[in-house]
Amino acid sequence: MPSTVALTPVRYVATITTAMVVVTCAAGVLGALTAWQRYQVAVDYVAGDPGIGVADYVGADNTAASVSLLWLLAYGATSLAYLTWSWRVRSNAERLCPLPHRLAKGWVVGGWLVPVFPLIVLEDVWRTSRPSTPEVLTVRELPRGWLVHYWWYASMACALVALWLAITRNDEPTLDALMTIASLTTLLAALEMVAAALVITLIRRITQWQSTPRP
């Protein structure tokens, strides 16, 4: 009986990463809801609604801030889980296919400091993890992972909106600023769900490929 390639198990960490992606998306949606709630309380307060006072706005603002912190913690945990999964599938990919990757293994972590590097790292893992890899001379000749590109575009859109949101939050909390913050938070939550759907599909596909024994 032919021997099979010894690979590092990745299903468990893939499940954790997927779960954390979902939690982060849920926190993003909750953040959008609390941002709109804060804006509505501010509108009622400025309009002189007798049932709305300073304490109501402070409470809504504290709630929005708490949810933002929750999202940040969830995002941090998700990033750690994703990096763990990425490191393991990269190690497995090197065992499955002898072709050298375009970037060294250390860029699995350090690549997030350089634009486009995470895309190159994951696409090379995608290319070299696919079953029935054709015989070629370089990894560039393998079929491209367009799904990886779509995920990267969605992730970059999230990063740009998040940067815009961070800048807007430093402005004076006027009604216009609060409405802009609520709108950007909603847009960010929507983009996060698109990116989440793509990355979950990527994680499941690569994990399935690497969990299938092959000679």
Protein backbone atom coordinates (compact mmCIF):
# COMPACT_ATOMS: atom_id res chain seq x y z
CA MET A 1 0.00 0.00 0.00
CA PRO A 2 1.48 3.42 -0.96
CA SER A 3 2.38 5.76 1.86
CA THR A 4 0.59 9.08 2.31
CA VAL A 5 1.98 12.53 3.02
CA ALA A 6 2.15 13.30 6.76
CA LEU A 7 0.27 16.56 7.29
CA THR A 8 -0.49 18.73 10.31
CA PRO A 9 -4.18 18.47 11.30
CA VAL A 10 -6.00 21.71 10.44
CA ARG A 11 -9.70 20.95 10.86
CA TYR A 12 -9.86 21.96 14.53
CA VAL A 13 -8.18 25.33 14.07
CA ALA A 14 -10.22 25.88 10.89
CA THR A 15 -13.42 25.39 12.89
CA ILE A 16 -12.27 27.88 15.54
CA THR A 17 -11.28 30.42 12.89
CA THR A 18 -14.63 30.09 11.15
CA ALA A 19 -16.51 30.51 14.42
CA MET A 20 -14.52 33.63 15.31
CA VAL A 21 -15.19 35.13 11.87
CA VAL A 22 -18.91 34.70 12.51
CA VAL A 23 -18.60 36.26 15.97
CA THR A 24 -16.74 39.25 14.55
CA CYS A 25 -19.44 39.77 11.92
CA ALA A 26 -22.13 39.58 14.60
CA ALA A 27 -20.27 42.18 16.65
CA GLY A 28 -20.06 44.38 13.56
CA VAL A 29 -23.81 44.21 12.98
CA LEU A 30 -24.44 44.96 16.66
CA GLY A 31 -22.06 47.91 16.35
CA ALA A 32 -24.09 49.32 13.46
CA LEU A 33 -27.32 48.99 15.45
CA THR A 34 -25.88 50.76 18.50
CA ALA A 35 -24.39 53.50 16.30
CA TRP A 36 -27.81 54.24 14.82
CA GLN A 37 -29.37 54.12 18.27
CA ARG A 38 -26.87 56.71 19.52
CA TYR A 39 -27.61 58.92 16.53
CA GLN A 40 -31.37 58.71 17.12
CA VAL A 41 -30.97 59.58 20.80
CA ALA A 42 -28.85 62.58 19.80
CA VAL A 43 -31.51 63.71 17.30
CA ASP A 44 -34.24 63.48 19.93
CA TYR A 45 -32.12 65.33 22.47
CA VAL A 46 -31.32 68.19 20.09
CA ALA A 47 -34.99 68.36 19.10
CA GLY A 48 -35.88 68.90 22.76
CA ASP A 49 -37.74 65.64 23.35
CA PRO A 50 -38.78 65.83 27.02
CA GLY A 51 -38.13 62.13 27.53
CA ILE A 52 -34.50 62.35 26.42
CA GLY A 53 -31.74 63.88 28.56
CA VAL A 54 -27.98 64.01 28.70
CA ALA A 55 -27.91 60.72 30.62
CA ASP A 56 -29.71 58.98 27.76
CA TYR A 57 -27.12 60.12 25.23
CA VAL A 58 -24.24 59.19 27.53
CA GLY A 59 -25.77 55.75 28.00
CA ALA A 60 -26.18 55.25 24.24
CA ASP A 61 -22.63 56.47 23.67
CA ASN A 62 -21.25 54.09 26.30
CA THR A 63 -23.15 51.20 24.75
CA ALA A 64 -21.76 51.98 21.30
CA ALA A 65 -18.24 52.25 22.75
CA SER A 66 -18.60 48.91 24.56
CA VAL A 67 -19.75 47.15 21.39
CA SER A 68 -16.82 48.70 19.49
CA LEU A 69 -14.47 47.26 22.10
CA LEU A 70 -16.20 43.88 21.80
CA TRP A 71 -15.70 43.97 18.04
CA LEU A 72 -12.03 44.86 18.49
CA LEU A 73 -11.47 41.94 20.86
CA ALA A 74 -13.29 39.55 18.53
CA TYR A 75 -11.27 40.82 15.58
CA GLY A 76 -8.02 40.28 17.50
CA ALA A 77 -8.98 36.72 18.41
CA THR A 78 -10.05 36.05 14.82
CA SER A 79 -6.74 37.35 13.49
CA LEU A 80 -4.80 35.09 15.86
CA ALA A 81 -6.85 32.05 14.86
CA TYR A 82 -6.48 32.86 11.17
CA LEU A 83 -2.70 33.24 11.46
CA THR A 84 -2.49 29.89 13.24
CA TRP A 85 -4.51 28.25 10.48
CA SER A 86 -2.47 30.01 7.78
CA TRP A 87 0.82 28.84 9.29
CA ARG A 88 -0.33 25.23 9.42
CA VAL A 89 -1.78 25.09 5.92
CA ARG A 90 1.37 26.74 4.57
CA SER A 91 3.48 24.03 6.21
CA ASN A 92 1.22 21.34 4.74
CA ALA A 93 1.30 22.94 1.29
CA GLU A 94 5.10 22.69 1.24
CA ARG A 95 4.82 18.95 1.88
CA LEU A 96 2.10 18.43 -0.72
CA CYS A 97 3.87 20.21 -3.56
CA PRO A 98 7.65 20.56 -4.08
CA LEU A 99 7.35 23.90 -5.90
CA PRO A 100 8.82 26.80 -3.88
CA HIS A 101 6.39 29.49 -2.81
CA ARG A 102 6.94 33.07 -3.94
CA LEU A 103 7.41 34.27 -0.35
CA ALA A 104 9.22 32.72 2.61
CA LYS A 105 7.14 31.10 5.35
CA GLY A 106 7.78 33.97 7.78
CA TRP A 107 5.66 36.23 5.59
CA VAL A 108 2.59 34.30 6.73
CA VAL A 109 2.75 36.58 9.78
CA GLY A 110 4.95 39.47 8.65
CA GLY A 111 3.12 39.81 5.35
CA TRP A 112 0.30 41.70 7.03
CA LEU A 113 2.67 44.63 7.38
CA VAL A 114 3.13 44.79 3.60
CA PRO A 115 0.22 45.33 1.18
CA VAL A 116 -0.56 42.42 -1.17
CA PHE A 117 1.73 39.93 0.62
CA PRO A 118 -1.13 38.13 2.45
CA LEU A 119 -2.81 37.68 -0.94
CA ILE A 120 0.34 36.11 -2.42
CA VAL A 121 0.82 33.83 0.60
CA LEU A 122 -2.74 32.48 0.56
CA GLU A 123 -2.92 32.16 -3.21
CA ASP A 124 0.27 30.06 -3.25
CA VAL A 125 -1.23 27.83 -0.53
CA TRP A 126 -4.39 27.53 -2.61
CA ARG A 127 -2.46 26.65 -5.76
CA THR A 128 -0.22 24.05 -4.14
CA SER A 129 -2.91 22.43 -1.99
CA ARG A 130 -5.28 21.57 -4.83
CA PRO A 131 -5.47 17.86 -5.66
CA SER A 132 -4.02 16.69 -8.96
CA THR A 133 -1.56 19.56 -9.22
CA PRO A 134 -0.16 19.58 -12.78
CA GLU A 135 3.57 19.19 -13.34
CA VAL A 136 4.98 22.67 -13.85
CA LEU A 137 8.26 24.44 -13.10
CA THR A 138 7.01 27.33 -10.93
CA VAL A 139 4.04 28.02 -8.70
CA ARG A 140 3.03 30.89 -11.01
CA GLU A 141 2.11 28.34 -13.69
CA LEU A 142 -0.49 26.67 -11.48
CA PRO A 143 -4.17 27.67 -11.86
CA ARG A 144 -4.88 31.02 -10.17
CA GLY A 145 -7.09 31.24 -7.10
CA TRP A 146 -9.62 33.86 -8.11
CA LEU A 147 -11.61 33.25 -4.94
CA VAL A 148 -8.54 34.36 -2.98
CA HIS A 149 -8.42 37.59 -4.98
CA TYR A 150 -12.10 38.34 -4.35
CA TRP A 151 -11.54 37.84 -0.61
CA TRP A 152 -8.55 40.17 -0.69
CA TYR A 153 -10.48 42.91 -2.51
CA ALA A 154 -13.28 42.68 0.04
CA SER A 155 -10.75 42.77 2.89
CA MET A 156 -9.06 45.87 1.46
CA ALA A 157 -12.45 47.57 1.12
CA CYS A 158 -13.07 46.79 4.81
CA ALA A 159 -9.69 48.27 5.73
CA LEU A 160 -10.36 51.50 3.83
CA VAL A 161 -13.81 51.96 5.37
CA ALA A 162 -12.43 51.16 8.84
CA LEU A 163 -9.73 53.83 8.35
CA TRP A 164 -12.34 56.36 7.24
CA LEU A 165 -14.45 55.45 10.26
CA ALA A 166 -11.52 55.87 12.65
CA ILE A 167 -10.81 59.34 11.25
CA THR A 168 -14.46 60.36 11.47
CA ARG A 169 -14.70 59.29 15.11
CA ASN A 170 -12.12 61.95 16.00
CA ASP A 171 -14.45 64.71 14.77
CA GLU A 172 -16.74 66.75 16.99
CA PRO A 173 -19.82 64.57 17.81
CA THR A 174 -22.33 66.65 15.82
CA LEU A 175 -25.47 65.13 14.34
CA ASP A 176 -23.84 64.99 10.90
CA ALA A 177 -20.76 63.27 12.32
CA LEU A 178 -22.86 60.75 14.25
CA MET A 179 -24.90 59.95 11.14
CA THR A 180 -21.71 59.50 9.12
CA ILE A 181 -20.32 57.19 11.79
CA ALA A 182 -23.52 55.12 11.79
CA SER A 183 -23.51 54.92 7.98
CA LEU A 184 -19.85 53.90 7.82
CA THR A 185 -20.35 51.32 10.58
CA THR A 186 -23.22 49.82 8.60
CA LEU A 187 -21.16 49.78 5.39
CA LEU A 188 -18.26 48.17 7.25
CA ALA A 189 -20.55 45.48 8.69
CA ALA A 190 -21.89 44.69 5.20
CA LEU A 191 -18.41 44.46 3.69
CA GLU A 192 -17.27 42.29 6.60
CA MET A 193 -20.04 39.81 5.85
CA VAL A 194 -18.96 39.62 2.20
CA ALA A 195 -15.32 39.11 3.19
CA ALA A 196 -16.38 36.59 5.84
CA ALA A 197 -18.36 34.50 3.37
CA LEU A 198 -15.37 34.40 1.03
CA VAL A 199 -12.76 33.58 3.67
CA ILE A 200 -14.93 30.88 5.24
CA THR A 201 -15.27 29.28 1.80
CA LEU A 202 -11.51 29.49 1.35
CA ILE A 203 -10.80 27.99 4.76
CA ARG A 204 -13.22 25.11 4.19
CA ARG A 205 -11.91 24.38 0.69
CA ILE A 206 -8.21 24.38 1.60
CA THR A 207 -8.87 22.45 4.82
CA GLN A 208 -10.81 19.82 2.87
CA TRP A 209 -8.05 19.49 0.31
CA GLN A 210 -5.39 19.08 2.99
CA SER A 211 -7.49 16.65 5.03
CA THR A 212 -7.84 14.22 2.12
CA PRO A 213 -5.08 11.56 2.25
CA ARG A 214 -2.99 11.42 -0.91
CA PRO A 215 0.20 9.60 -1.89
